Amino acid sequence: MFSTLLNNRYRLQTELGRGGMGVVYRAHDTLLERDVAVKVLSDTALGAESRARLLREAQAAARLNHSNIVSVYDAGQAGGVPFIVMELVEGESLRDRRPQTLEETLSLACQVCAALEHAHAHSVIHRDLKPENVLIAPDGCAKLGDLAWPTPPPRGSPTKGRLSAQCSTWRRSKCWNKRPTTVRTSMH
C-alpha cells in the first residue's frame, strides 16, 4: 500500500485509531517539522467517484478555520490510496472522556455548537456528529473532527438526504427517512 514515509513527507509513527473507512496514524511532517494526524483510507472503502468526492470534501473542510475544528492540512493519494493530513489533537474523544461536572458539560457543548455554527456559516454540514468525533485536549478545548466527510450543500439550498456510511447508529433514523439534510441535521 505505502511505505512508512507517505508521499516523501509524512513519516507514519503509531496507529491512533481504526474505523470502518480506514486507519488514523500519528505522523511527523518532515517538511514543516511538526506532528500531525494522517487518516489513510481503506483501499476498498472508496471507488473512483467517491475518491474525487472525498478530495472535494477535504477541500471544503480545509477552508474552515476555527479553534474548535480540527484543521485539515493536506490530502492526496499514495499508491492509489487516499489520505487526509490533519491537526494532531492530543487528548481523548468525548466518548472516552465524559464530562465530570455540569460546568464542563456546558463548556464542551458550547464549544461544539460554536464549531458547528462556523461550519454551517461556510455551508458545511457535518453529518456524523457523535462523541467519537469530538476530541478533548488536555486544556479542555473541544475539537470537532471528521469534517472531511461532509458534503457541502449548494449555496442557499439543503442537500438531499442519503443513507451513507457516515450515519452513526444512534442517528440512523435521520438517514433512513430520506428527509433533506440541512444544518439542523447536526443539531440534536
N, C-alpha and C. Protein backbone atom coordinates (compact mmCIF):
# COMPACT_ATOMS: atom_id res chain seq x y z
N MET A 1 0.84 -1.19 0.00
CA MET A 1 0.00 0.00 0.00
C MET A 1 0.88 1.25 0.00
N PHE A 2 1.71 1.48 1.02
CA PHE A 2 2.61 2.62 1.08
C PHE A 2 3.72 2.31 2.06
N SER A 3 4.78 3.09 1.98
CA SER A 3 5.87 2.90 2.93
C SER A 3 5.58 3.73 4.18
N THR A 4 6.49 3.69 5.13
CA THR A 4 6.29 4.47 6.35
C THR A 4 6.48 5.96 6.10
N LEU A 5 7.04 6.34 4.96
CA LEU A 5 7.14 7.75 4.58
C LEU A 5 6.13 7.99 3.46
N LEU A 6 5.05 8.61 3.81
CA LEU A 6 3.94 8.83 2.88
C LEU A 6 4.21 10.07 2.04
N ASN A 7 4.20 9.89 0.73
CA ASN A 7 4.44 10.98 -0.23
C ASN A 7 5.73 11.75 0.05
N ASN A 8 6.75 11.04 0.48
CA ASN A 8 8.05 11.65 0.77
C ASN A 8 7.97 12.82 1.74
N ARG A 9 6.94 12.80 2.62
CA ARG A 9 6.77 13.92 3.52
C ARG A 9 6.31 13.50 4.92
N TYR A 10 5.34 12.61 5.01
CA TYR A 10 4.73 12.28 6.29
C TYR A 10 5.23 10.93 6.79
N ARG A 11 6.02 10.94 7.86
CA ARG A 11 6.56 9.72 8.44
C ARG A 11 5.54 9.16 9.44
N LEU A 12 4.92 8.04 9.07
CA LEU A 12 3.92 7.42 9.94
C LEU A 12 4.63 6.80 11.14
N GLN A 13 4.09 7.06 12.33
CA GLN A 13 4.75 6.60 13.54
C GLN A 13 3.95 5.53 14.27
N THR A 14 2.78 5.87 14.77
CA THR A 14 1.98 4.89 15.52
C THR A 14 0.52 5.01 15.12
N GLU A 15 -0.17 3.90 15.24
CA GLU A 15 -1.60 3.90 14.96
C GLU A 15 -2.36 4.51 16.13
N LEU A 16 -3.24 5.47 15.83
CA LEU A 16 -4.04 6.12 16.86
C LEU A 16 -5.44 5.53 16.95
N GLY A 17 -5.95 5.05 15.83
CA GLY A 17 -7.31 4.51 15.83
C GLY A 17 -7.63 3.87 14.51
N ARG A 18 -8.69 3.08 14.54
CA ARG A 18 -9.10 2.34 13.35
C ARG A 18 -10.62 2.38 13.27
N GLY A 19 -11.13 2.60 12.06
CA GLY A 19 -12.57 2.63 11.87
C GLY A 19 -12.95 1.93 10.58
N GLY A 20 -14.21 2.03 10.22
CA GLY A 20 -14.72 1.36 9.04
C GLY A 20 -14.13 1.88 7.74
N MET A 21 -13.70 3.15 7.73
CA MET A 21 -13.19 3.74 6.50
C MET A 21 -11.67 3.73 6.40
N GLY A 22 -10.97 3.45 7.50
CA GLY A 22 -9.52 3.45 7.42
C GLY A 22 -8.86 3.52 8.78
N VAL A 23 -7.59 3.95 8.77
CA VAL A 23 -6.76 3.98 9.96
C VAL A 23 -6.19 5.39 10.14
N VAL A 24 -6.15 5.87 11.39
CA VAL A 24 -5.54 7.16 11.70
C VAL A 24 -4.20 6.90 12.38
N TYR A 25 -3.16 7.58 11.88
CA TYR A 25 -1.81 7.43 12.42
C TYR A 25 -1.31 8.76 12.97
N ARG A 26 -0.52 8.68 14.00
CA ARG A 26 0.30 9.82 14.41
C ARG A 26 1.46 9.82 13.41
N ALA A 27 1.79 10.99 12.89
CA ALA A 27 2.85 11.08 11.89
C ALA A 27 3.65 12.36 12.11
N HIS A 28 4.79 12.41 11.45
CA HIS A 28 5.62 13.62 11.52
C HIS A 28 5.75 14.19 10.12
N ASP A 29 5.41 15.47 9.98
CA ASP A 29 5.56 16.19 8.72
C ASP A 29 7.03 16.60 8.62
N THR A 30 7.78 15.94 7.74
CA THR A 30 9.22 16.19 7.65
C THR A 30 9.53 17.53 7.00
N LEU A 31 8.60 18.10 6.25
CA LEU A 31 8.83 19.39 5.61
C LEU A 31 8.66 20.53 6.61
N LEU A 32 7.57 20.50 7.36
CA LEU A 32 7.28 21.58 8.31
C LEU A 32 7.72 21.27 9.73
N GLU A 33 8.28 20.07 9.93
CA GLU A 33 8.79 19.66 11.24
C GLU A 33 7.74 19.78 12.35
N ARG A 34 6.60 19.13 12.14
CA ARG A 34 5.54 19.11 13.16
C ARG A 34 4.84 17.77 13.12
N ASP A 35 4.24 17.41 14.26
CA ASP A 35 3.46 16.18 14.33
C ASP A 35 2.05 16.46 13.81
N VAL A 36 1.50 15.48 13.10
CA VAL A 36 0.18 15.58 12.51
C VAL A 36 -0.54 14.24 12.68
N ALA A 37 -1.82 14.24 12.34
CA ALA A 37 -2.58 13.00 12.25
C ALA A 37 -2.85 12.74 10.78
N VAL A 38 -2.67 11.50 10.36
CA VAL A 38 -2.90 11.13 8.96
C VAL A 38 -3.95 10.02 8.94
N LYS A 39 -5.06 10.29 8.27
CA LYS A 39 -6.08 9.26 8.08
C LYS A 39 -5.86 8.64 6.72
N VAL A 40 -5.54 7.35 6.71
CA VAL A 40 -5.33 6.60 5.48
C VAL A 40 -6.58 5.75 5.27
N LEU A 41 -7.22 5.98 4.14
CA LEU A 41 -8.48 5.29 3.88
C LEU A 41 -8.24 3.90 3.35
N SER A 42 -9.15 3.02 3.69
CA SER A 42 -9.07 1.65 3.22
C SER A 42 -9.15 1.65 1.70
N ASP A 43 -8.28 0.89 1.04
CA ASP A 43 -8.29 0.87 -0.42
C ASP A 43 -9.56 0.26 -0.98
N THR A 44 -10.33 -0.42 -0.16
CA THR A 44 -11.59 -0.99 -0.63
C THR A 44 -12.78 -0.13 -0.23
N ALA A 45 -12.56 0.94 0.52
CA ALA A 45 -13.66 1.75 1.04
C ALA A 45 -14.27 2.66 -0.02
N LEU A 46 -13.49 3.07 -1.02
CA LEU A 46 -13.96 4.08 -1.95
C LEU A 46 -13.69 3.69 -3.40
N GLY A 47 -14.64 4.01 -4.27
CA GLY A 47 -14.45 3.88 -5.69
C GLY A 47 -13.88 5.18 -6.24
N ALA A 48 -13.68 5.25 -7.55
CA ALA A 48 -13.07 6.44 -8.16
C ALA A 48 -13.92 7.69 -7.93
N GLU A 49 -15.23 7.59 -8.08
CA GLU A 49 -16.10 8.75 -7.87
C GLU A 49 -16.07 9.20 -6.41
N SER A 50 -16.06 8.25 -5.50
CA SER A 50 -16.01 8.58 -4.08
C SER A 50 -14.67 9.22 -3.70
N ARG A 51 -13.59 8.80 -4.34
CA ARG A 51 -12.28 9.39 -4.06
C ARG A 51 -12.26 10.86 -4.47
N ALA A 52 -12.85 11.15 -5.64
CA ALA A 52 -12.92 12.55 -6.10
C ALA A 52 -13.79 13.37 -5.16
N ARG A 53 -14.88 12.79 -4.70
CA ARG A 53 -15.76 13.47 -3.75
C ARG A 53 -15.03 13.72 -2.43
N LEU A 54 -14.26 12.75 -1.97
CA LEU A 54 -13.50 12.91 -0.74
C LEU A 54 -12.54 14.09 -0.84
N LEU A 55 -11.87 14.24 -1.97
CA LEU A 55 -10.95 15.36 -2.15
C LEU A 55 -11.71 16.68 -2.09
N ARG A 56 -12.86 16.77 -2.75
CA ARG A 56 -13.67 18.00 -2.69
C ARG A 56 -14.09 18.30 -1.26
N GLU A 57 -14.46 17.26 -0.53
CA GLU A 57 -14.90 17.44 0.85
C GLU A 57 -13.74 17.85 1.76
N ALA A 58 -12.55 17.30 1.51
CA ALA A 58 -11.37 17.71 2.28
C ALA A 58 -11.05 19.17 1.99
N GLN A 59 -11.23 19.59 0.75
CA GLN A 59 -11.00 20.99 0.39
C GLN A 59 -11.98 21.90 1.14
N ALA A 60 -13.24 21.49 1.22
CA ALA A 60 -14.24 22.28 1.94
C ALA A 60 -13.88 22.37 3.42
N ALA A 61 -13.47 21.25 4.00
CA ALA A 61 -13.10 21.24 5.43
C ALA A 61 -11.84 22.06 5.66
N ALA A 62 -10.91 22.06 4.71
CA ALA A 62 -9.67 22.82 4.86
C ALA A 62 -9.92 24.33 4.86
N ARG A 63 -11.02 24.76 4.28
CA ARG A 63 -11.34 26.19 4.28
C ARG A 63 -11.86 26.67 5.63
N LEU A 64 -12.22 25.74 6.50
CA LEU A 64 -12.73 26.13 7.82
C LEU A 64 -11.55 26.46 8.73
N ASN A 65 -11.64 27.58 9.41
CA ASN A 65 -10.59 27.99 10.33
C ASN A 65 -11.25 28.40 11.63
N HIS A 66 -11.28 27.49 12.59
CA HIS A 66 -11.95 27.74 13.87
C HIS A 66 -11.22 26.97 14.96
N SER A 67 -11.12 27.58 16.13
CA SER A 67 -10.37 26.96 17.23
C SER A 67 -10.98 25.66 17.73
N ASN A 68 -12.25 25.39 17.41
CA ASN A 68 -12.91 24.16 17.86
C ASN A 68 -13.12 23.16 16.73
N ILE A 69 -12.41 23.33 15.62
CA ILE A 69 -12.48 22.39 14.50
C ILE A 69 -11.08 21.90 14.19
N VAL A 70 -10.93 20.59 14.05
CA VAL A 70 -9.65 20.00 13.68
C VAL A 70 -9.29 20.51 12.28
N SER A 71 -8.12 21.11 12.16
CA SER A 71 -7.69 21.67 10.88
C SER A 71 -7.25 20.57 9.92
N VAL A 72 -7.60 20.73 8.66
CA VAL A 72 -7.15 19.83 7.60
C VAL A 72 -6.00 20.54 6.90
N TYR A 73 -4.83 19.86 6.83
CA TYR A 73 -3.63 20.46 6.26
C TYR A 73 -3.36 20.02 4.82
N ASP A 74 -3.71 18.79 4.49
CA ASP A 74 -3.32 18.25 3.19
C ASP A 74 -4.21 17.05 2.89
N ALA A 75 -4.28 16.68 1.63
CA ALA A 75 -4.99 15.48 1.20
C ALA A 75 -4.33 15.00 -0.09
N GLY A 76 -4.41 13.73 -0.34
CA GLY A 76 -3.82 13.20 -1.56
C GLY A 76 -3.98 11.71 -1.65
N GLN A 77 -3.14 11.11 -2.48
CA GLN A 77 -3.14 9.66 -2.65
C GLN A 77 -1.70 9.17 -2.65
N ALA A 78 -1.50 8.00 -2.10
CA ALA A 78 -0.19 7.35 -2.13
C ALA A 78 -0.44 5.91 -2.55
N GLY A 79 0.12 5.53 -3.66
CA GLY A 79 -0.11 4.18 -4.16
C GLY A 79 -1.58 3.92 -4.46
N GLY A 80 -2.30 4.97 -4.85
CA GLY A 80 -3.72 4.85 -5.15
C GLY A 80 -4.63 4.86 -3.93
N VAL A 81 -4.04 5.01 -2.75
CA VAL A 81 -4.82 5.01 -1.51
C VAL A 81 -4.96 6.45 -1.01
N PRO A 82 -6.20 6.94 -0.85
CA PRO A 82 -6.40 8.31 -0.38
C PRO A 82 -6.01 8.50 1.09
N PHE A 83 -5.54 9.71 1.39
CA PHE A 83 -5.23 10.05 2.77
C PHE A 83 -5.56 11.52 3.02
N ILE A 84 -5.76 11.85 4.29
CA ILE A 84 -6.01 13.23 4.72
C ILE A 84 -5.06 13.51 5.88
N VAL A 85 -4.39 14.65 5.84
CA VAL A 85 -3.49 15.08 6.90
C VAL A 85 -4.18 16.16 7.71
N MET A 86 -4.22 15.95 9.02
CA MET A 86 -4.95 16.85 9.91
C MET A 86 -4.11 17.26 11.10
N GLU A 87 -4.61 18.27 11.78
CA GLU A 87 -4.05 18.69 13.05
C GLU A 87 -4.07 17.50 14.02
N LEU A 88 -2.98 17.31 14.74
CA LEU A 88 -2.93 16.27 15.76
C LEU A 88 -3.45 16.85 17.06
N VAL A 89 -4.51 16.28 17.58
CA VAL A 89 -5.08 16.74 18.85
C VAL A 89 -4.70 15.73 19.92
N GLU A 90 -3.87 16.16 20.84
CA GLU A 90 -3.51 15.30 21.97
C GLU A 90 -4.72 15.28 22.90
N GLY A 91 -5.10 14.15 23.37
CA GLY A 91 -6.25 14.05 24.26
C GLY A 91 -7.09 12.85 23.93
N GLU A 92 -8.35 12.90 24.35
CA GLU A 92 -9.27 11.78 24.17
C GLU A 92 -10.55 12.24 23.51
N SER A 93 -11.30 11.28 23.01
CA SER A 93 -12.61 11.61 22.44
C SER A 93 -13.62 11.81 23.57
N LEU A 94 -14.69 12.47 23.24
CA LEU A 94 -15.76 12.67 24.22
C LEU A 94 -16.33 11.32 24.66
N ARG A 95 -16.27 10.34 23.78
CA ARG A 95 -16.75 9.01 24.15
C ARG A 95 -15.90 8.41 25.28
N ASP A 96 -14.59 8.65 25.21
CA ASP A 96 -13.68 8.08 26.20
C ASP A 96 -13.51 8.95 27.44
N ARG A 97 -13.76 10.23 27.30
CA ARG A 97 -13.60 11.15 28.44
C ARG A 97 -14.87 11.97 28.62
N ARG A 98 -15.77 11.43 29.38
CA ARG A 98 -17.06 12.10 29.63
C ARG A 98 -16.86 13.27 30.59
N PRO A 99 -17.61 14.35 30.40
CA PRO A 99 -17.52 15.47 31.34
C PRO A 99 -17.92 15.04 32.74
N GLN A 100 -17.25 15.61 33.74
CA GLN A 100 -17.49 15.23 35.13
C GLN A 100 -18.43 16.17 35.86
N THR A 101 -18.58 17.40 35.36
CA THR A 101 -19.42 18.38 36.04
C THR A 101 -20.36 19.04 35.04
N LEU A 102 -21.37 19.69 35.54
CA LEU A 102 -22.29 20.44 34.69
C LEU A 102 -21.54 21.55 33.97
N GLU A 103 -20.64 22.21 34.66
CA GLU A 103 -19.85 23.30 34.06
C GLU A 103 -19.04 22.78 32.87
N GLU A 104 -18.39 21.64 33.04
CA GLU A 104 -17.60 21.06 31.95
C GLU A 104 -18.50 20.64 30.79
N THR A 105 -19.66 20.06 31.11
CA THR A 105 -20.61 19.65 30.08
C THR A 105 -21.05 20.85 29.25
N LEU A 106 -21.42 21.93 29.92
CA LEU A 106 -21.87 23.13 29.21
C LEU A 106 -20.76 23.75 28.39
N SER A 107 -19.54 23.75 28.93
CA SER A 107 -18.40 24.30 28.19
C SER A 107 -18.16 23.52 26.90
N LEU A 108 -18.15 22.20 27.00
CA LEU A 108 -17.93 21.37 25.81
C LEU A 108 -19.07 21.54 24.80
N ALA A 109 -20.30 21.58 25.30
CA ALA A 109 -21.46 21.75 24.41
C ALA A 109 -21.38 23.09 23.67
N CYS A 110 -21.01 24.14 24.37
CA CYS A 110 -20.89 25.46 23.74
C CYS A 110 -19.79 25.46 22.68
N GLN A 111 -18.68 24.78 22.96
CA GLN A 111 -17.58 24.72 22.00
C GLN A 111 -17.99 23.95 20.75
N VAL A 112 -18.69 22.84 20.92
CA VAL A 112 -19.14 22.06 19.77
C VAL A 112 -20.15 22.87 18.96
N CYS A 113 -21.06 23.56 19.64
CA CYS A 113 -22.04 24.39 18.93
C CYS A 113 -21.34 25.52 18.17
N ALA A 114 -20.31 26.12 18.73
CA ALA A 114 -19.56 27.17 18.04
C ALA A 114 -18.89 26.60 16.78
N ALA A 115 -18.36 25.40 16.89
CA ALA A 115 -17.74 24.75 15.72
C ALA A 115 -18.78 24.48 14.63
N LEU A 116 -19.93 23.96 15.03
CA LEU A 116 -20.99 23.69 14.06
C LEU A 116 -21.51 24.97 13.43
N GLU A 117 -21.66 26.01 14.23
CA GLU A 117 -22.12 27.29 13.70
C GLU A 117 -21.15 27.81 12.63
N HIS A 118 -19.87 27.70 12.90
CA HIS A 118 -18.86 28.14 11.93
C HIS A 118 -18.94 27.29 10.65
N ALA A 119 -19.02 25.98 10.81
CA ALA A 119 -19.13 25.11 9.63
C ALA A 119 -20.37 25.43 8.82
N HIS A 120 -21.50 25.60 9.50
CA HIS A 120 -22.75 25.90 8.80
C HIS A 120 -22.68 27.25 8.08
N ALA A 121 -22.02 28.23 8.69
CA ALA A 121 -21.87 29.54 8.05
C ALA A 121 -21.06 29.44 6.76
N HIS A 122 -20.27 28.36 6.63
CA HIS A 122 -19.48 28.13 5.42
C HIS A 122 -20.07 26.99 4.58
N SER A 123 -21.36 26.72 4.79
CA SER A 123 -22.11 25.73 4.00
C SER A 123 -21.57 24.32 4.12
N VAL A 124 -21.05 23.97 5.29
CA VAL A 124 -20.58 22.61 5.53
C VAL A 124 -21.44 22.00 6.63
N ILE A 125 -22.06 20.88 6.32
CA ILE A 125 -22.88 20.15 7.28
C ILE A 125 -22.09 18.92 7.71
N HIS A 126 -21.97 18.71 9.01
CA HIS A 126 -21.11 17.63 9.50
C HIS A 126 -21.62 16.24 9.12
N ARG A 127 -22.86 15.92 9.37
CA ARG A 127 -23.49 14.63 9.06
C ARG A 127 -23.06 13.44 9.90
N ASP A 128 -22.06 13.59 10.74
CA ASP A 128 -21.64 12.46 11.57
C ASP A 128 -21.22 12.93 12.96
N LEU A 129 -22.06 13.77 13.53
CA LEU A 129 -21.77 14.28 14.87
C LEU A 129 -22.04 13.18 15.89
N LYS A 130 -20.98 12.78 16.58
CA LYS A 130 -21.09 11.75 17.61
C LYS A 130 -19.91 11.93 18.56
N PRO A 131 -19.99 11.35 19.75
CA PRO A 131 -18.92 11.54 20.74
C PRO A 131 -17.52 11.17 20.24
N GLU A 132 -17.40 10.18 19.37
CA GLU A 132 -16.09 9.78 18.85
C GLU A 132 -15.45 10.88 18.01
N ASN A 133 -16.25 11.79 17.46
CA ASN A 133 -15.74 12.84 16.59
C ASN A 133 -15.52 14.16 17.31
N VAL A 134 -15.65 14.16 18.62
CA VAL A 134 -15.33 15.34 19.43
C VAL A 134 -14.11 14.97 20.26
N LEU A 135 -13.00 15.65 20.00
CA LEU A 135 -11.76 15.39 20.73
C LEU A 135 -11.58 16.46 21.80
N ILE A 136 -11.13 16.04 22.97
CA ILE A 136 -10.93 16.97 24.07
C ILE A 136 -9.45 17.01 24.41
N ALA A 137 -8.86 18.18 24.21
CA ALA A 137 -7.45 18.40 24.52
C ALA A 137 -7.28 18.47 26.03
N PRO A 138 -6.07 18.25 26.53
CA PRO A 138 -5.83 18.30 27.98
C PRO A 138 -6.26 19.61 28.64
N ASP A 139 -6.25 20.73 27.87
CA ASP A 139 -6.66 22.01 28.45
C ASP A 139 -8.17 22.22 28.43
N GLY A 140 -8.92 21.19 27.98
CA GLY A 140 -10.38 21.27 27.96
C GLY A 140 -10.96 21.81 26.66
N CYS A 141 -10.12 22.11 25.70
CA CYS A 141 -10.60 22.61 24.41
C CYS A 141 -11.20 21.45 23.60
N ALA A 142 -12.45 21.62 23.17
CA ALA A 142 -13.11 20.61 22.33
C ALA A 142 -12.80 20.90 20.87
N LYS A 143 -12.49 19.85 20.12
CA LYS A 143 -12.20 19.98 18.70
C LYS A 143 -13.09 19.01 17.93
N LEU A 144 -13.88 19.54 17.02
CA LEU A 144 -14.77 18.73 16.21
C LEU A 144 -13.99 18.18 15.03
N GLY A 145 -13.98 16.86 14.89
CA GLY A 145 -13.22 16.21 13.83
C GLY A 145 -14.10 15.54 12.80
N ASP A 146 -13.46 14.93 11.84
CA ASP A 146 -14.10 14.23 10.72
C ASP A 146 -14.98 15.14 9.89
N LEU A 147 -14.58 16.40 9.77
CA LEU A 147 -15.30 17.32 8.89
C LEU A 147 -14.92 17.12 7.44
N ALA A 148 -14.00 16.23 7.14
CA ALA A 148 -13.68 15.95 5.75
C ALA A 148 -14.69 14.98 5.14
N TRP A 149 -15.61 14.48 5.93
CA TRP A 149 -16.62 13.56 5.40
C TRP A 149 -17.87 14.23 4.91
N PRO A 150 -18.22 15.44 5.37
CA PRO A 150 -19.49 16.01 4.96
C PRO A 150 -19.48 16.47 3.52
N THR A 151 -20.64 16.66 2.96
CA THR A 151 -20.78 17.23 1.63
C THR A 151 -21.32 18.63 1.78
N PRO A 152 -20.60 19.64 1.32
CA PRO A 152 -21.14 20.98 1.44
C PRO A 152 -22.36 21.13 0.54
N PRO A 153 -23.45 21.69 1.06
CA PRO A 153 -24.65 21.84 0.24
C PRO A 153 -24.48 22.98 -0.75
N PRO A 154 -25.26 22.98 -1.84
CA PRO A 154 -25.23 24.12 -2.74
C PRO A 154 -25.66 25.36 -1.96
N ARG A 155 -25.09 26.49 -2.28
CA ARG A 155 -25.43 27.73 -1.58
C ARG A 155 -26.93 27.98 -1.63
N GLY A 156 -27.51 28.24 -0.45
CA GLY A 156 -28.91 28.62 -0.37
C GLY A 156 -29.90 27.48 -0.40
N SER A 157 -29.43 26.22 -0.47
CA SER A 157 -30.40 25.13 -0.50
C SER A 157 -29.87 23.94 0.29
N PRO A 158 -30.79 23.16 0.89
CA PRO A 158 -30.36 21.97 1.62
C PRO A 158 -29.94 20.88 0.65
N THR A 159 -29.11 19.96 1.13
CA THR A 159 -28.73 18.82 0.30
C THR A 159 -29.84 17.78 0.38
N LYS A 160 -29.82 16.89 -0.54
CA LYS A 160 -30.77 15.77 -0.49
C LYS A 160 -30.22 14.74 0.48
N GLY A 161 -31.05 14.29 1.40
CA GLY A 161 -30.60 13.29 2.37
C GLY A 161 -30.36 11.95 1.70
N ARG A 162 -29.31 11.26 2.09
CA ARG A 162 -29.00 9.94 1.54
C ARG A 162 -28.50 9.05 2.66
N LEU A 163 -28.81 7.78 2.57
CA LEU A 163 -28.24 6.83 3.51
C LEU A 163 -26.78 6.68 3.15
N SER A 164 -25.92 6.78 4.13
CA SER A 164 -24.49 6.69 3.83
C SER A 164 -23.75 6.00 4.96
N ALA A 165 -22.51 5.66 4.68
CA ALA A 165 -21.68 5.01 5.68
C ALA A 165 -21.40 5.92 6.86
N GLN A 166 -21.59 7.25 6.68
CA GLN A 166 -21.30 8.17 7.77
C GLN A 166 -22.38 8.15 8.85
N CYS A 167 -23.51 7.56 8.61
CA CYS A 167 -24.60 7.59 9.58
C CYS A 167 -24.23 6.77 10.80
N SER A 168 -24.24 7.42 11.93
CA SER A 168 -23.94 6.68 13.15
C SER A 168 -25.17 5.90 13.58
N THR A 169 -24.96 4.88 14.36
CA THR A 169 -26.04 4.00 14.79
C THR A 169 -27.15 4.76 15.47
N TRP A 170 -26.80 5.68 16.34
CA TRP A 170 -27.83 6.38 17.10
C TRP A 170 -28.51 7.47 16.30
N ARG A 171 -28.07 7.75 15.06
CA ARG A 171 -28.73 8.72 14.21
C ARG A 171 -29.27 8.07 12.94
N ARG A 172 -29.26 6.77 12.89
CA ARG A 172 -29.64 6.06 11.68
C ARG A 172 -31.00 6.51 11.14
N SER A 173 -31.97 6.76 12.01
CA SER A 173 -33.31 7.12 11.55
C SER A 173 -33.30 8.40 10.73
N LYS A 174 -32.40 9.35 11.04
CA LYS A 174 -32.34 10.58 10.27
C LYS A 174 -31.87 10.31 8.84
N CYS A 175 -31.08 9.28 8.66
CA CYS A 175 -30.57 8.96 7.33
C CYS A 175 -31.58 8.12 6.55
N TRP A 176 -32.28 7.27 7.24
CA TRP A 176 -33.23 6.39 6.57
C TRP A 176 -34.48 7.12 6.10
N ASN A 177 -34.85 8.21 6.77
CA ASN A 177 -36.15 8.81 6.46
C ASN A 177 -36.16 9.65 5.20
N LYS A 178 -35.04 9.81 4.53
CA LYS A 178 -34.94 10.50 3.23
C LYS A 178 -35.35 11.96 3.29
N ARG A 179 -35.39 12.56 4.46
CA ARG A 179 -35.68 13.99 4.55
C ARG A 179 -34.45 14.77 4.10
N PRO A 180 -34.66 16.00 3.64
CA PRO A 180 -33.49 16.80 3.23
C PRO A 180 -32.53 17.00 4.39
N THR A 181 -31.23 17.00 4.08
CA THR A 181 -30.22 17.24 5.09
C THR A 181 -29.93 18.73 5.12
N THR A 182 -30.06 19.34 6.28
CA THR A 182 -29.81 20.76 6.44
C THR A 182 -28.91 20.96 7.64
N VAL A 183 -28.63 22.22 7.97
CA VAL A 183 -27.81 22.49 9.14
C VAL A 183 -28.47 21.96 10.40
N ARG A 184 -29.78 21.82 10.42
CA ARG A 184 -30.48 21.30 11.57
C ARG A 184 -30.17 19.82 11.81
N THR A 185 -29.69 19.13 10.78
CA THR A 185 -29.33 17.72 10.92
C THR A 185 -28.25 17.53 11.97
N SER A 186 -27.32 18.49 12.06
CA SER A 186 -26.22 18.39 13.02
C SER A 186 -26.63 18.72 14.44
N MET A 187 -27.76 19.40 14.60
CA MET A 187 -28.19 19.84 15.92
C MET A 187 -29.18 18.84 16.50
N HIS A 188 -28.96 18.43 17.73
CA HIS A 188 -29.86 17.48 18.38
C HIS A 188 -30.49 18.17 19.56
